[in-house]
Amino acid sequence: MKAMVLHEITDLNTDTEPLRFEEIPEPKPESGEILVKVTVCGVCHTELDEIEGRTPPPKLPVVPGHQVVGRVAETGPDTDRYDVGDQVGIAWIYSSCGQCEYCRSGNENLCPEFEATGRDADGGYAEYMAVPEEFAYPIPDVYSDAEAAPLLCAGAIGYRSLRLSKISDGKTLGLTGFGASGHLVLKMTRHRFPETGIYVFARNPDEREFARELGAVWAGGTDAESPVNLHGIIDTTPAWKPVVEALKNLRPGGRLVVNAIRKEDADQDYLQNLDWPTHLWMEKELKSVANVARRDVEEFLPLAAEIPVKPDVREYPLEEANTALAELKRGGIRGAKVLRIG
């Protein structure tokens, strides 16, 4: 089968083709697994972190991609959830142990044996992939495959971040960064909390204009001061500067939710600007987000269909995955990027 394969950790500032377009063996579903014929796969900032070495080390070589939509092509032994031809999605969580305290409490994302799609197991930048059936999810009929792909990570992690923000209707919410996840969080917040004012911080003027088009009451630069102090802020950026700047815009007792696996080192010196009374005093909270659990995907997809959340997407053919990654690295994304595979 055709696939885009990562063979080594590299610097995307100098390496414009980190993935190789190759023919590799088609996987075979083992016990409890299904084989999915992939039609589309979303392109996520986590792939940049993986390629540049900011995530836990991937198995190499590996097929990246964890926003996967396709149809069941084959079922392995001991499977009963899906039939051949069913449309399914696969998210960042590929598997977990199922036995530890975290798995038993529905927090598989914290499992010490957590495996990530496209990092610890081959993902969706390929024509086929195999996955344990309990970590595949039915796609609501209202979505095309391209629209569904960003929901599986940007949407699901945005849903988890919104839950962790503890925002309720009428409270103010800030969003730092306005790419694939940010624009979906704005849409679901407006549906669930119609009286909540949403304030967006983004470095790119096009992103700020996009936020206003979707209903943000205000949009400014990353280091701007919001017109009001905010009850909660969700950070979806890869950098430290937005975290420090966001803290100064929190109300007393407010919570900043940082939705990032890793932060880039380039602006780490900005942490020197962290000032206790300005940024952290008055019982402000800082909460990290670690991956997604099955519950997040299972709850978010029907909610997204009910709203409905319709992601803005731009498609690329599979062999142009490096181009999509390079554009994602440069920033200025409007919506989400999706590879068309089948």
Protein backbone atom coordinates (compact mmCIF):
# COMPACT_ATOMS: atom_id res chain seq x y z
CA MET A 1 0.00 0.00 0.00
CA LYS A 2 1.02 3.64 -0.43
CA ALA A 3 2.06 5.56 2.69
CA MET A 4 4.01 8.59 3.91
CA VAL A 5 6.66 7.34 6.34
CA LEU A 6 8.81 9.07 8.97
CA HIS A 7 12.26 7.48 9.32
CA GLU A 8 14.05 9.92 11.61
CA ILE A 9 13.58 12.91 13.87
CA THR A 10 14.45 16.09 12.00
CA ASP A 11 14.27 19.89 12.03
CA LEU A 12 11.44 21.19 9.85
CA ASN A 13 13.12 24.57 9.58
CA THR A 14 15.76 22.98 7.34
CA ASP A 15 14.18 19.68 6.24
CA THR A 16 11.22 20.34 3.94
CA GLU A 17 10.57 16.66 3.18
CA PRO A 18 10.62 14.75 6.48
CA LEU A 19 8.25 12.05 5.18
CA ARG A 20 8.97 9.59 2.36
CA PHE A 21 6.28 8.44 -0.08
CA GLU A 22 6.66 4.63 -0.08
CA GLU A 23 5.07 1.28 -0.79
CA ILE A 24 4.83 -0.72 2.46
CA PRO A 25 3.02 -3.96 3.42
CA GLU A 26 -0.70 -3.70 4.09
CA PRO A 27 -1.43 -4.49 7.77
CA LYS A 28 -3.47 -7.52 8.80
CA PRO A 29 -6.02 -7.20 11.64
CA GLU A 30 -5.18 -9.30 14.67
CA SER A 31 -7.58 -10.50 17.37
CA GLY A 32 -9.86 -7.65 18.47
CA GLU A 33 -8.77 -5.42 15.58
CA ILE A 34 -10.38 -4.06 12.43
CA LEU A 35 -8.69 -3.10 9.18
CA VAL A 36 -9.72 0.34 7.93
CA LYS A 37 -9.41 1.52 4.33
CA VAL A 38 -8.46 5.14 4.92
CA THR A 39 -10.19 7.85 2.88
CA VAL A 40 -8.85 10.95 4.66
CA CYS A 41 -6.50 11.86 7.49
CA GLY A 42 -6.22 15.23 9.21
CA VAL A 43 -2.87 17.00 9.59
CA CYS A 44 -2.22 18.05 13.18
CA HIS A 45 0.37 20.20 14.96
CA THR A 46 1.20 17.11 17.01
CA GLU A 47 2.78 15.67 13.86
CA LEU A 48 5.19 18.63 13.91
CA ASP A 49 6.02 17.85 17.55
CA GLU A 50 6.54 14.20 16.69
CA ILE A 51 8.77 14.88 13.68
CA GLU A 52 10.89 17.43 15.56
CA GLY A 53 11.24 15.29 18.68
CA ARG A 54 9.04 17.06 21.23
CA THR A 55 6.79 14.06 21.92
CA PRO A 56 7.91 10.84 23.57
CA PRO A 57 10.04 9.08 20.94
CA PRO A 58 8.01 7.47 18.13
CA LYS A 59 8.70 3.98 16.90
CA LEU A 60 10.70 4.39 13.72
CA PRO A 61 9.94 4.04 10.93
CA VAL A 62 6.33 5.06 11.56
CA VAL A 63 3.34 6.18 9.51
CA PRO A 64 2.04 9.39 11.17
CA GLY A 65 -1.56 10.59 11.32
CA HIS A 66 -4.21 10.37 14.03
CA GLN A 67 -7.31 12.06 12.61
CA VAL A 68 -8.31 9.10 10.49
CA VAL A 69 -11.59 8.45 8.68
CA GLY A 70 -12.29 5.42 6.55
CA ARG A 71 -14.41 2.32 6.09
CA VAL A 72 -13.98 -1.11 7.66
CA ALA A 73 -12.35 -3.34 5.07
CA GLU A 74 -11.89 -6.44 7.22
CA THR A 75 -12.60 -7.60 10.77
CA GLY A 76 -10.17 -9.69 12.77
CA PRO A 77 -11.03 -12.56 15.15
CA ASP A 78 -13.07 -11.73 18.28
CA THR A 79 -14.61 -8.54 16.94
CA ASP A 80 -18.32 -7.64 17.03
CA ARG A 81 -18.66 -3.84 17.01
CA TYR A 82 -18.41 -3.13 13.28
CA ASP A 83 -19.29 -4.69 9.95
CA VAL A 84 -17.37 -4.41 6.71
CA GLY A 85 -18.34 -1.13 5.04
CA ASP A 86 -19.04 0.81 8.27
CA GLN A 87 -17.56 4.30 8.36
CA VAL A 88 -15.33 4.85 11.41
CA GLY A 89 -12.90 7.37 12.83
CA ILE A 90 -9.65 6.80 14.71
CA ALA A 91 -8.21 9.37 17.13
CA TRP A 92 -4.89 9.98 18.94
CA ILE A 93 -5.59 7.25 21.51
CA TYR A 94 -4.74 3.95 19.80
CA SER A 95 -4.85 1.67 22.85
CA SER A 96 -4.38 1.45 26.61
CA CYS A 97 -3.98 -1.38 29.11
CA GLY A 98 -7.65 -1.45 30.18
CA GLN A 99 -6.72 -2.57 33.70
CA CYS A 100 -5.08 0.29 35.60
CA GLU A 101 -6.88 2.80 37.84
CA TYR A 102 -6.94 5.37 35.04
CA CYS A 103 -8.49 3.01 32.50
CA ARG A 104 -11.07 1.80 35.02
CA SER A 105 -12.10 5.40 35.75
CA GLY A 106 -12.43 6.37 32.08
CA ASN A 107 -9.15 8.28 31.97
CA GLU A 108 -7.29 6.04 29.52
CA ASN A 109 -5.38 9.12 28.41
CA LEU A 110 -3.37 8.89 31.65
CA CYS A 111 -2.64 5.15 31.35
CA PRO A 112 1.09 4.39 31.68
CA GLU A 113 0.70 2.01 28.71
CA PHE A 114 -1.10 4.60 26.55
CA GLU A 115 -0.27 4.13 22.87
CA ALA A 116 -0.74 6.96 20.37
CA THR A 117 -1.93 6.55 16.79
CA GLY A 118 0.78 7.57 14.36
CA ARG A 119 3.48 7.58 17.03
CA ASP A 120 3.49 4.22 18.82
CA ALA A 121 1.49 2.48 16.07
CA ASP A 122 1.18 3.23 12.37
CA GLY A 123 -1.44 5.87 11.63
CA GLY A 124 -3.50 7.26 8.82
CA TYR A 125 -1.02 8.75 6.32
CA ALA A 126 -1.56 5.50 4.40
CA GLU A 127 -4.16 3.59 2.42
CA TYR A 128 -4.92 1.15 5.25
CA MET A 129 -4.45 0.89 9.00
CA ALA A 130 -5.38 -1.63 11.69
CA VAL A 131 -6.75 -0.58 15.08
CA PRO A 132 -8.34 -2.22 18.15
CA GLU A 133 -12.09 -2.00 17.51
CA GLU A 134 -12.85 -0.34 20.87
CA PHE A 135 -10.68 2.60 19.80
CA ALA A 136 -12.62 3.23 16.59
CA TYR A 137 -15.73 5.44 16.59
CA PRO A 138 -18.80 5.65 14.36
CA ILE A 139 -18.95 8.85 12.30
CA PRO A 140 -22.30 10.73 12.35
CA ASP A 141 -24.07 10.75 8.97
CA VAL A 142 -24.15 14.57 8.78
CA TYR A 143 -20.42 14.68 8.04
CA SER A 144 -18.37 14.09 4.95
CA ASP A 145 -15.16 12.21 5.64
CA ALA A 146 -13.06 15.40 5.29
CA GLU A 147 -15.29 17.31 7.71
CA ALA A 148 -15.13 14.48 10.25
CA ALA A 149 -11.33 14.14 10.32
CA PRO A 150 -10.47 17.31 12.32
CA LEU A 151 -13.17 16.47 14.85
CA LEU A 152 -11.22 13.40 15.97
CA CYS A 153 -8.36 15.41 17.47
CA ALA A 154 -8.82 19.15 17.19
CA GLY A 155 -12.50 18.74 18.07
CA ALA A 156 -12.20 16.04 20.74
CA ILE A 157 -9.23 17.66 22.50
CA GLY A 158 -11.04 20.99 22.27
CA TYR A 159 -14.05 19.38 23.92
CA ARG A 160 -11.88 18.01 26.73
CA SER A 161 -10.22 21.41 27.16
CA LEU A 162 -13.60 23.14 27.36
CA ARG A 163 -14.73 20.68 30.05
CA LEU A 164 -11.52 21.23 32.01
CA SER A 165 -11.93 25.03 31.80
CA LYS A 166 -15.03 24.75 34.03
CA ILE A 167 -16.73 27.50 32.04
CA SER A 168 -20.49 27.91 32.49
CA ASP A 169 -22.95 30.01 30.54
CA GLY A 170 -22.40 33.73 30.97
CA LYS A 171 -18.75 33.39 32.01
CA THR A 172 -16.04 34.84 29.76
CA LEU A 173 -13.70 32.58 27.81
CA GLY A 174 -10.42 33.36 26.06
CA LEU A 175 -8.78 31.34 23.27
CA THR A 176 -5.08 31.75 22.52
CA GLY A 177 -4.26 30.57 19.01
CA PHE A 178 -6.96 30.10 16.41
CA GLY A 179 -6.15 27.14 14.21
CA ALA A 180 -7.97 23.82 13.83
CA SER A 181 -8.79 23.32 17.52
CA GLY A 182 -9.47 26.96 18.39
CA HIS A 183 -12.12 27.52 15.77
CA LEU A 184 -13.96 24.33 16.77
CA VAL A 185 -13.90 25.30 20.46
CA LEU A 186 -15.44 28.65 19.56
CA LYS A 187 -18.25 26.94 17.64
CA MET A 188 -19.09 24.46 20.42
CA THR A 189 -18.86 27.16 23.11
CA ARG A 190 -21.35 29.36 21.28
CA HIS A 191 -23.76 26.40 21.11
CA ARG A 192 -23.39 25.18 24.69
CA PHE A 193 -22.96 28.57 26.36
CA PRO A 194 -24.72 31.20 24.21
CA GLU A 195 -24.31 33.95 26.84
CA THR A 196 -20.54 33.45 27.09
CA GLY A 197 -18.37 36.12 25.50
CA ILE A 198 -15.39 34.70 23.62
CA TYR A 199 -12.11 36.63 23.33
CA VAL A 200 -9.45 35.44 20.89
CA PHE A 201 -5.69 36.08 20.99
CA ALA A 202 -3.88 35.26 17.73
CA ARG A 203 -0.68 36.49 16.11
CA ASN A 204 -2.07 36.41 12.57
CA PRO A 205 -4.54 39.14 11.47
CA ASP A 206 -6.36 36.66 9.20
CA GLU A 207 -6.95 34.38 12.19
CA ARG A 208 -8.31 37.29 14.20
CA GLU A 209 -10.69 38.24 11.38
CA PHE A 210 -11.78 34.60 11.08
CA ALA A 211 -12.54 34.55 14.82
CA ARG A 212 -14.72 37.65 14.51
CA GLU A 213 -16.56 36.08 11.57
CA LEU A 214 -17.37 33.07 13.75
CA GLY A 215 -18.72 35.20 16.59
CA ALA A 216 -15.83 36.22 18.85
CA VAL A 217 -16.75 39.45 20.64
CA TRP A 218 -13.12 40.61 20.49
CA ALA A 219 -9.86 39.50 18.88
CA GLY A 220 -6.36 40.87 19.45
CA GLY A 221 -2.70 39.95 19.21
CA THR A 222 -0.97 37.35 21.35
CA ASP A 223 0.33 39.97 23.79
CA ALA A 224 -2.79 42.15 23.76
CA GLU A 225 -4.73 43.02 26.90
CA SER A 226 -8.34 41.86 26.70
CA PRO A 227 -11.10 44.43 27.38
CA VAL A 228 -12.19 42.41 30.43
CA ASN A 229 -10.45 39.88 32.64
CA LEU A 230 -11.53 36.36 31.78
CA HIS A 231 -12.96 33.48 33.82
CA GLY A 232 -11.13 30.90 31.70
CA ILE A 233 -8.65 30.72 28.84
CA ILE A 234 -7.74 27.78 26.60
CA ASP A 235 -4.27 27.86 25.05
CA THR A 236 -3.85 25.88 21.81
CA THR A 237 -0.45 27.23 20.75
CA PRO A 238 2.98 25.54 20.60
CA ALA A 239 4.74 28.44 22.34
CA TRP A 240 5.39 29.81 25.85
CA LYS A 241 4.67 33.48 25.15
CA PRO A 242 0.87 32.99 24.83
CA VAL A 243 0.80 31.14 28.17
CA VAL A 244 2.52 33.98 30.04
CA GLU A 245 0.44 36.63 28.29
CA ALA A 246 -2.80 34.72 28.92
CA LEU A 247 -2.20 34.54 32.67
CA LYS A 248 -2.26 38.32 32.98
CA ASN A 249 -5.74 38.36 31.39
CA LEU A 250 -7.28 35.92 33.90
CA ARG A 251 -9.66 37.04 36.63
CA PRO A 252 -8.87 36.09 40.25
CA GLY A 253 -9.66 32.40 40.55
CA GLY A 254 -9.58 31.97 36.77
CA ARG A 255 -8.21 28.88 35.05
CA LEU A 256 -5.82 28.61 32.11
CA VAL A 257 -6.04 25.27 30.29
CA VAL A 258 -2.92 24.49 28.27
CA ASN A 259 -3.76 22.18 25.39
CA ALA A 260 -0.33 21.11 24.09
CA ILE A 261 1.73 17.94 24.32
CA ARG A 262 4.93 19.97 24.31
CA LYS A 263 5.99 23.61 23.99
CA GLU A 264 8.67 24.63 21.53
CA ASP A 265 12.01 25.67 23.05
CA ALA A 266 12.53 28.70 20.81
CA ASP A 267 10.77 31.16 23.12
CA GLN A 268 11.45 29.42 26.44
CA ASP A 269 13.30 32.52 27.61
CA TYR A 270 9.92 34.28 27.65
CA LEU A 271 9.22 32.45 30.91
CA GLN A 272 11.58 34.95 32.54
CA ASN A 273 8.77 37.47 32.14
CA LEU A 274 6.58 35.45 34.51
CA ASP A 275 5.77 37.71 37.46
CA TRP A 276 4.05 36.27 40.53
CA PRO A 277 1.63 39.12 41.37
CA THR A 278 0.80 39.85 37.72
CA HIS A 279 0.41 36.32 36.39
CA LEU A 280 -0.22 33.79 39.17
CA TRP A 281 -1.38 35.42 42.36
CA MET A 282 -5.05 35.61 43.42
CA GLU A 283 -5.63 31.85 43.10
CA LYS A 284 -5.24 31.63 39.36
CA GLU A 285 -4.99 28.04 38.10
CA LEU A 286 -2.91 26.38 35.40
CA LYS A 287 -4.25 23.06 34.06
CA SER A 288 -2.59 20.87 31.45
CA VAL A 289 -4.41 18.60 29.00
CA ALA A 290 -2.98 15.13 28.37
CA ASN A 291 -4.28 13.56 25.18
CA VAL A 292 -7.92 12.42 24.87
CA ALA A 293 -9.83 9.56 26.45
CA ARG A 294 -12.44 7.46 24.64
CA ARG A 295 -15.17 9.34 26.48
CA ASP A 296 -14.10 12.62 24.88
CA VAL A 297 -14.46 11.27 21.34
CA GLU A 298 -17.64 9.32 22.10
CA GLU A 299 -19.35 12.37 23.65
CA PHE A 300 -18.02 14.98 21.27
CA LEU A 301 -18.98 13.42 17.92
CA PRO A 302 -22.76 13.33 18.63
CA LEU A 303 -22.56 16.85 20.14
CA ALA A 304 -20.77 18.11 17.06
CA ALA A 305 -23.46 16.60 14.84
CA GLU A 306 -26.22 18.15 16.95
CA ILE A 307 -24.80 21.69 16.75
CA PRO A 308 -23.66 20.99 13.94
CA VAL A 309 -19.96 21.86 14.07
CA LYS A 310 -18.75 22.05 10.49
CA PRO A 311 -14.96 22.41 10.30
CA ASP A 312 -13.40 24.57 7.62
CA VAL A 313 -11.01 22.25 5.76
CA ARG A 314 -8.46 22.35 2.97
CA GLU A 315 -7.58 19.10 1.23
CA TYR A 316 -4.23 17.84 -0.09
CA PRO A 317 -3.38 14.55 -1.82
CA LEU A 318 -1.49 12.04 0.32
CA GLU A 319 1.78 12.59 -1.55
CA GLU A 320 1.66 16.31 -0.63
CA ALA A 321 1.74 15.62 3.11
CA ASN A 322 5.10 17.40 3.40
CA THR A 323 3.60 20.51 1.82
CA ALA A 324 0.71 20.47 4.29
CA LEU A 325 3.13 20.06 7.21
CA ALA A 326 5.31 22.93 5.98
CA GLU A 327 2.29 25.24 5.71
CA LEU A 328 1.16 24.19 9.18
CA LYS A 329 4.64 24.96 10.51
CA ARG A 330 4.54 28.46 9.01
CA GLY A 331 1.18 29.20 10.65
CA GLY A 332 -1.64 31.37 9.38
CA ILE A 333 -3.98 28.40 9.11
CA ARG A 334 -7.64 29.02 8.38
CA GLY A 335 -9.43 25.95 9.68
CA ALA A 336 -7.91 22.48 9.31
CA LYS A 337 -5.75 20.59 6.79
CA VAL A 338 -6.78 17.14 5.55
CA LEU A 339 -5.00 14.57 3.34
CA ARG A 340 -7.17 12.85 0.73
CA ILE A 341 -6.13 9.21 0.44
CA GLY A 342 -8.97 7.15 -1.00
